[in-house]
C-alpha atoms as a PDB file:
ATOM      1  CA  UNK A   1    -161.550  92.204 -28.396  1.00  0.00           C
ATOM      2  CA  UNK A   2    -162.252  88.460 -28.300  1.00  0.00           C
ATOM      3  CA  UNK A   3    -158.631  87.803 -29.220  1.00  0.00           C
ATOM      4  CA  UNK A   4    -157.294  89.686 -26.196  1.00  0.00           C
ATOM      5  CA  UNK A   5    -159.770  87.949 -23.836  1.00  0.00           C
ATOM      6  CA  UNK A   6    -158.851  84.561 -25.202  1.00  0.00           C
ATOM      7  CA  UNK A   7    -155.192  85.242 -25.125  1.00  0.00           C
ATOM      8  CA  UNK A   8    -155.264  85.695 -21.356  1.00  0.00           C
ATOM      9  CA  UNK A   9    -155.753  81.964 -20.888  1.00  0.00           C
ATOM     10  CA  UNK A  10    -152.716  79.936 -19.918  1.00  0.00           C
ATOM     11  CA  UNK A  11    -150.885  77.961 -22.571  1.00  0.00           C
ATOM     12  CA  UNK A  12    -150.362  75.088 -20.185  1.00  0.00           C
ATOM     13  CA  UNK A  13    -152.441  72.009 -19.615  1.00  0.00           C
ATOM     14  CA  UNK A  14    -152.242  72.080 -15.812  1.00  0.00           C
ATOM     15  CA  UNK A  15    -153.850  68.659 -15.342  1.00  0.00           C
ATOM     16  CA  UNK A  16    -151.297  66.905 -17.452  1.00  0.00           C
ATOM     17  CA  UNK A  17    -148.441  69.336 -16.774  1.00  0.00           C
ATOM     18  CA  UNK A  18    -147.762  69.622 -20.461  1.00  0.00           C
ATOM     19  CA  UNK A  19    -146.610  72.708 -22.206  1.00  0.00           C
ATOM     20  CA  UNK A  20    -148.520  73.238 -25.477  1.00  0.00           C
ATOM     21  CA  UNK A  21    -146.508  76.154 -26.817  1.00  0.00           C
ATOM     22  CA  UNK A  22    -143.148  75.622 -28.589  1.00  0.00           C
ATOM     23  CA  UNK A  23    -140.076  77.355 -27.277  1.00  0.00           C
ATOM     24  CA  UNK A  24    -139.797  79.202 -30.628  1.00  0.00           C
ATOM     25  CA  UNK A  25    -143.272  80.628 -30.256  1.00  0.00           C
ATOM     26  CA  UNK A  26    -142.684  81.602 -26.672  1.00  0.00           C
ATOM     27  CA  UNK A  27    -139.606  83.499 -27.728  1.00  0.00           C
ATOM     28  CA  UNK A  28    -141.702  85.296 -30.427  1.00  0.00           C
ATOM     29  CA  UNK A  29    -144.301  86.355 -27.809  1.00  0.00           C
ATOM     30  CA  UNK A  30    -141.487  87.489 -25.496  1.00  0.00           C
ATOM     31  CA  UNK A  31    -139.933  89.653 -28.201  1.00  0.00           C
ATOM     32  CA  UNK A  32    -143.328  91.023 -29.102  1.00  0.00           C
ATOM     33  CA  UNK A  33    -144.062  92.041 -25.525  1.00  0.00           C
ATOM     34  CA  UNK A  34    -140.663  93.669 -25.228  1.00  0.00           C
ATOM     35  CA  UNK A  35    -141.521  95.708 -28.337  1.00  0.00           C
ATOM     36  CA  UNK A  36    -144.812  96.768 -26.720  1.00  0.00           C
ATOM     37  CA  UNK A  37    -142.952  98.068 -23.658  1.00  0.00           C
ATOM     38  CA  UNK A  38    -140.873 100.219 -25.976  1.00  0.00           C
ATOM     39  CA  UNK A  39    -144.034 101.333 -27.771  1.00  0.00           C
ATOM     40  CA  UNK A  40    -145.626 102.392 -24.540  1.00  0.00           C
ATOM     41  CA  UNK A  41    -142.649 104.421 -23.543  1.00  0.00           C
ATOM     42  CA  UNK A  42    -142.661 106.038 -26.971  1.00  0.00           C
ATOM     43  CA  UNK A  43    -146.389 106.858 -26.554  1.00  0.00           C
ATOM     44  CA  UNK A  44    -145.649 108.584 -23.237  1.00  0.00           C
ATOM     45  CA  UNK A  45    -142.765 110.574 -24.857  1.00  0.00           C
ATOM     46  CA  UNK A  46    -144.976 111.658 -27.753  1.00  0.00           C
ATOM     47  CA  UNK A  47    -147.723 112.768 -25.355  1.00  0.00           C
ATOM     48  CA  UNK A  48    -145.271 114.916 -23.385  1.00  0.00           C
ATOM     49  CA  UNK A  49    -143.896 116.513 -26.629  1.00  0.00           C
ATOM     50  CA  UNK A  50    -147.413 117.095 -28.010  1.00  0.00           C
ATOM     51  CA  UNK A  51    -148.327 118.795 -24.748  1.00  0.00           C
ATOM     52  CA  UNK A  52    -145.028 120.895 -24.943  1.00  0.00           C
ATOM     53  CA  UNK A  53    -145.998 121.794 -28.522  1.00  0.00           C
ATOM     54  CA  UNK A  54    -149.311 123.192 -27.357  1.00  0.00           C
ATOM     55  CA  UNK A  55    -147.481 125.182 -24.680  1.00  0.00           C
ATOM     56  CA  UNK A  56    -145.089 126.600 -27.310  1.00  0.00           C
ATOM     57  CA  UNK A  57    -147.936 127.364 -29.678  1.00  0.00           C
ATOM     58  CA  UNK A  58    -150.015 129.090 -27.023  1.00  0.00           C
ATOM     59  CA  UNK A  59    -146.915 131.093 -25.830  1.00  0.00           C
ATOM     60  CA  UNK A  60    -146.215 132.228 -29.373  1.00  0.00           C
ATOM     61  CA  UNK A  61    -149.785 133.403 -29.921  1.00  0.00           C
ATOM     62  CA  UNK A  62    -150.108 135.289 -26.697  1.00  0.00           C
ATOM     63  CA  UNK A  63    -146.633 136.217 -25.273  1.00  0.00           C
ATOM     64  CA  UNK A  64    -146.590 136.985 -21.598  1.00  0.00           C
ATOM     65  CA  UNK A  65    -144.802 140.253 -22.267  1.00  0.00           C
ATOM     66  CA  UNK A  66    -147.757 141.644 -24.172  1.00  0.00           C
ATOM     67  CA  UNK A  67    -145.662 142.315 -27.256  1.00  0.00           C
ATOM     68  CA  UNK A  68    -146.755 141.510 -30.735  1.00  0.00           C
ATOM     69  CA  UNK A  69    -145.676 138.216 -32.176  1.00  0.00           C
ATOM     70  CA  UNK A  70    -142.838 138.339 -34.737  1.00  0.00           C
ATOM     71  CA  UNK A  71    -142.821 136.186 -37.869  1.00  0.00           C
ATOM     72  CA  UNK A  72    -139.510 134.558 -36.733  1.00  0.00           C
ATOM     73  CA  UNK A  73    -141.209 133.359 -33.536  1.00  0.00           C
ATOM     74  CA  UNK A  74    -144.106 132.023 -35.565  1.00  0.00           C
ATOM     75  CA  UNK A  75    -141.806 130.185 -37.968  1.00  0.00           C
ATOM     76  CA  UNK A  76    -139.704 128.657 -35.182  1.00  0.00           C
ATOM     77  CA  UNK A  77    -142.763 127.615 -33.219  1.00  0.00           C
ATOM     78  CA  UNK A  78    -144.189 126.064 -36.399  1.00  0.00           C
ATOM     79  CA  UNK A  79    -140.996 124.051 -36.993  1.00  0.00           C
ATOM     80  CA  UNK A  80    -140.976 122.809 -33.390  1.00  0.00           C
ATOM     81  CA  UNK A  81    -144.699 121.900 -33.413  1.00  0.00           C
ATOM     82  CA  UNK A  82    -144.536 120.122 -36.764  1.00  0.00           C
ATOM     83  CA  UNK A  83    -141.433 118.338 -35.505  1.00  0.00           C
ATOM     84  CA  UNK A  84    -143.453 116.973 -32.587  1.00  0.00           C
ATOM     85  CA  UNK A  85    -146.024 115.696 -35.058  1.00  0.00           C
ATOM     86  CA  UNK A  86    -143.402 114.018 -37.134  1.00  0.00           C
ATOM     87  CA  UNK A  87    -141.820 112.476 -34.149  1.00  0.00           C
ATOM     88  CA  UNK A  88    -145.246 111.150 -32.922  1.00  0.00           C
ATOM     89  CA  UNK A  89    -145.816 109.820 -36.437  1.00  0.00           C
ATOM     90  CA  UNK A  90    -142.482 107.878 -36.365  1.00  0.00           C
ATOM     91  CA  UNK A  91    -143.012 106.584 -32.840  1.00  0.00           C
ATOM     92  CA  UNK A  92    -146.555 105.403 -33.564  1.00  0.00           C
ATOM     93  CA  UNK A  93    -145.362 103.850 -36.897  1.00  0.00           C
ATOM     94  CA  UNK A  94    -142.790 101.798 -34.933  1.00  0.00           C
ATOM     95  CA  UNK A  95    -145.457 100.802 -32.397  1.00  0.00           C
ATOM     96  CA  UNK A  96    -147.703  99.492 -35.207  1.00  0.00           C
ATOM     97  CA  UNK A  97    -144.761  97.732 -36.831  1.00  0.00           C
ATOM     98  CA  UNK A  98    -144.217  95.749 -33.678  1.00  0.00           C
ATOM     99  CA  UNK A  99    -147.584  93.999 -34.358  1.00  0.00           C
ATOM    100  CA  UNK A 100    -146.977  93.343 -38.035  1.00  0.00           C
ATOM    101  CA  UNK A 101    -143.490  92.063 -37.469  1.00  0.00           C
ATOM    102  CA  UNK A 102    -144.754  89.674 -34.747  1.00  0.00           C
ATOM    103  CA  UNK A 103    -147.274  88.382 -37.259  1.00  0.00           C
ATOM    104  CA  UNK A 104    -144.474  87.928 -39.805  1.00  0.00           C
ATOM    105  CA  UNK A 105    -142.448  85.990 -37.276  1.00  0.00           C
ATOM    106  CA  UNK A 106    -145.344  83.687 -36.304  1.00  0.00           C
ATOM    107  CA  UNK A 107    -146.093  83.078 -40.021  1.00  0.00           C
ATOM    108  CA  UNK A 108    -142.381  82.231 -40.567  1.00  0.00           C
ATOM    109  CA  UNK A 109    -142.550  79.819 -37.670  1.00  0.00           C
ATOM    110  CA  UNK A 110    -145.685  78.186 -39.111  1.00  0.00           C
ATOM    111  CA  UNK A 111    -144.046  77.924 -42.605  1.00  0.00           C
ATOM    112  CA  UNK A 112    -140.944  76.329 -41.146  1.00  0.00           C
ATOM    113  CA  UNK A 113    -143.014  73.481 -39.723  1.00  0.00           C
ATOM    114  CA  UNK A 114    -143.255  74.620 -36.091  1.00  0.00           C
ATOM    115  CA  UNK A 115    -146.724  74.176 -34.748  1.00  0.00           C
ATOM    116  CA  UNK A 116    -148.224  77.387 -33.312  1.00  0.00           C
ATOM    117  CA  UNK A 117    -151.036  77.775 -30.808  1.00  0.00           C
ATOM    118  CA  UNK A 118    -154.584  78.719 -31.574  1.00  0.00           C
ATOM    119  CA  UNK A 119    -153.898  82.103 -29.858  1.00  0.00           C
ATOM    120  CA  UNK A 120    -151.124  82.792 -32.398  1.00  0.00           C
ATOM    121  CA  UNK A 121    -153.453  81.792 -35.246  1.00  0.00           C
ATOM    122  CA  UNK A 122    -156.098  84.226 -33.893  1.00  0.00           C
ATOM    123  CA  UNK A 123    -153.417  86.961 -33.496  1.00  0.00           C
ATOM    124  CA  UNK A 124    -152.418  86.547 -37.170  1.00  0.00           C
ATOM    125  CA  UNK A 125    -156.092  86.779 -38.228  1.00  0.00           C
ATOM    126  CA  UNK A 126    -156.688  89.824 -35.982  1.00  0.00           C
ATOM    127  CA  UNK A 127    -153.770  91.878 -37.233  1.00  0.00           C
ATOM    128  CA  UNK A 128    -154.308  90.776 -40.819  1.00  0.00           C
ATOM    129  CA  UNK A 129    -151.023  91.727 -42.404  1.00  0.00           C
ATOM    130  CA  UNK A 130    -147.330  91.134 -41.967  1.00  0.00           C
ATOM    131  CA  UNK A 131    -146.294  94.089 -44.149  1.00  0.00           C
ATOM    132  CA  UNK A 132    -144.665  97.077 -42.466  1.00  0.00           C
ATOM    133  CA  UNK A 133    -146.267 100.284 -43.769  1.00  0.00           C
ATOM    134  CA  UNK A 134    -144.206 102.907 -42.012  1.00  0.00           C
ATOM    135  CA  UNK A 135    -147.373 104.713 -41.040  1.00  0.00           C
ATOM    136  CA  UNK A 136    -149.448 104.589 -37.804  1.00  0.00           C
ATOM    137  CA  UNK A 137    -152.804 103.003 -37.744  1.00  0.00           C
ATOM    138  CA  UNK A 138    -155.518 105.080 -39.501  1.00  0.00           C
ATOM    139  CA  UNK A 139    -156.848 106.563 -36.219  1.00  0.00           C
ATOM    140  CA  UNK A 140    -153.276 107.614 -35.349  1.00  0.00           C
ATOM    141  CA  UNK A 141    -152.869 109.267 -38.692  1.00  0.00           C
ATOM    142  CA  UNK A 142    -156.040 111.178 -38.146  1.00  0.00           C
ATOM    143  CA  UNK A 143    -154.974 112.220 -34.679  1.00  0.00           C
ATOM    144  CA  UNK A 144    -151.550 113.470 -35.787  1.00  0.00           C
ATOM    145  CA  UNK A 145    -153.057 115.476 -38.691  1.00  0.00           C
ATOM    146  CA  UNK A 146    -155.700 116.929 -36.341  1.00  0.00           C
ATOM    147  CA  UNK A 147    -152.919 117.989 -33.801  1.00  0.00           C
ATOM    148  CA  UNK A 148    -150.900 119.594 -36.634  1.00  0.00           C
ATOM    149  CA  UNK A 149    -153.972 121.579 -37.717  1.00  0.00           C
ATOM    150  CA  UNK A 150    -154.603 122.699 -34.200  1.00  0.00           C
ATOM    151  CA  UNK A 151    -150.979 123.823 -33.801  1.00  0.00           C
ATOM    152  CA  UNK A 152    -151.103 125.828 -37.061  1.00  0.00           C
ATOM    153  CA  UNK A 153    -154.448 127.447 -36.056  1.00  0.00           C
ATOM    154  CA  UNK A 154    -153.074 128.426 -32.629  1.00  0.00           C
ATOM    155  CA  UNK A 155    -149.808 129.872 -34.052  1.00  0.00           C
ATOM    156  CA  UNK A 156    -151.074 131.606 -37.263  1.00  0.00           C
ATOM    157  CA  UNK A 157    -154.742 132.532 -36.703  1.00  0.00           C
ATOM    158  CA  UNK A 158    -155.225 135.993 -35.140  1.00  0.00           C
ATOM    159  CA  UNK A 159    -156.219 136.073 -31.531  1.00  0.00           C
ATOM    160  CA  UNK A 160    -159.820 137.087 -30.918  1.00  0.00           C
ATOM    161  CA  UNK A 161    -160.328 139.660 -28.291  1.00  0.00           C
END
């Protein structure tokens, strides 16, 4: 939390009108924030598809027509709902990769001799890795698994009267 509060400060010395951030670092932060915009749009898309998955699962469990549920409907609903979980997994993995790739870029700048700001150093320490894992953060993994379990319970568990 401290990193985000400290990163709000301006990287300009307004009294001396001197910019204390290199153009290379500024371009890294710009690319990072562009990636965050894409991540936010992906989060919105995954939320809509997760909601739609719950609608499909609930409709499969209790059809409006009152007919009994067929195995084919359950299988197709399962494929759709697990597809939404796989899509959310991928979208959230890409969102997390945005952070680790930004750290890698800042580390590469530092290794090439470009001086980076204290904010960039704190960001590197905060994220802690520059390796892309192709998985969401642990809480995101837990959430996607929990959603998948809920989908399967809604579709396959018998409805209680």
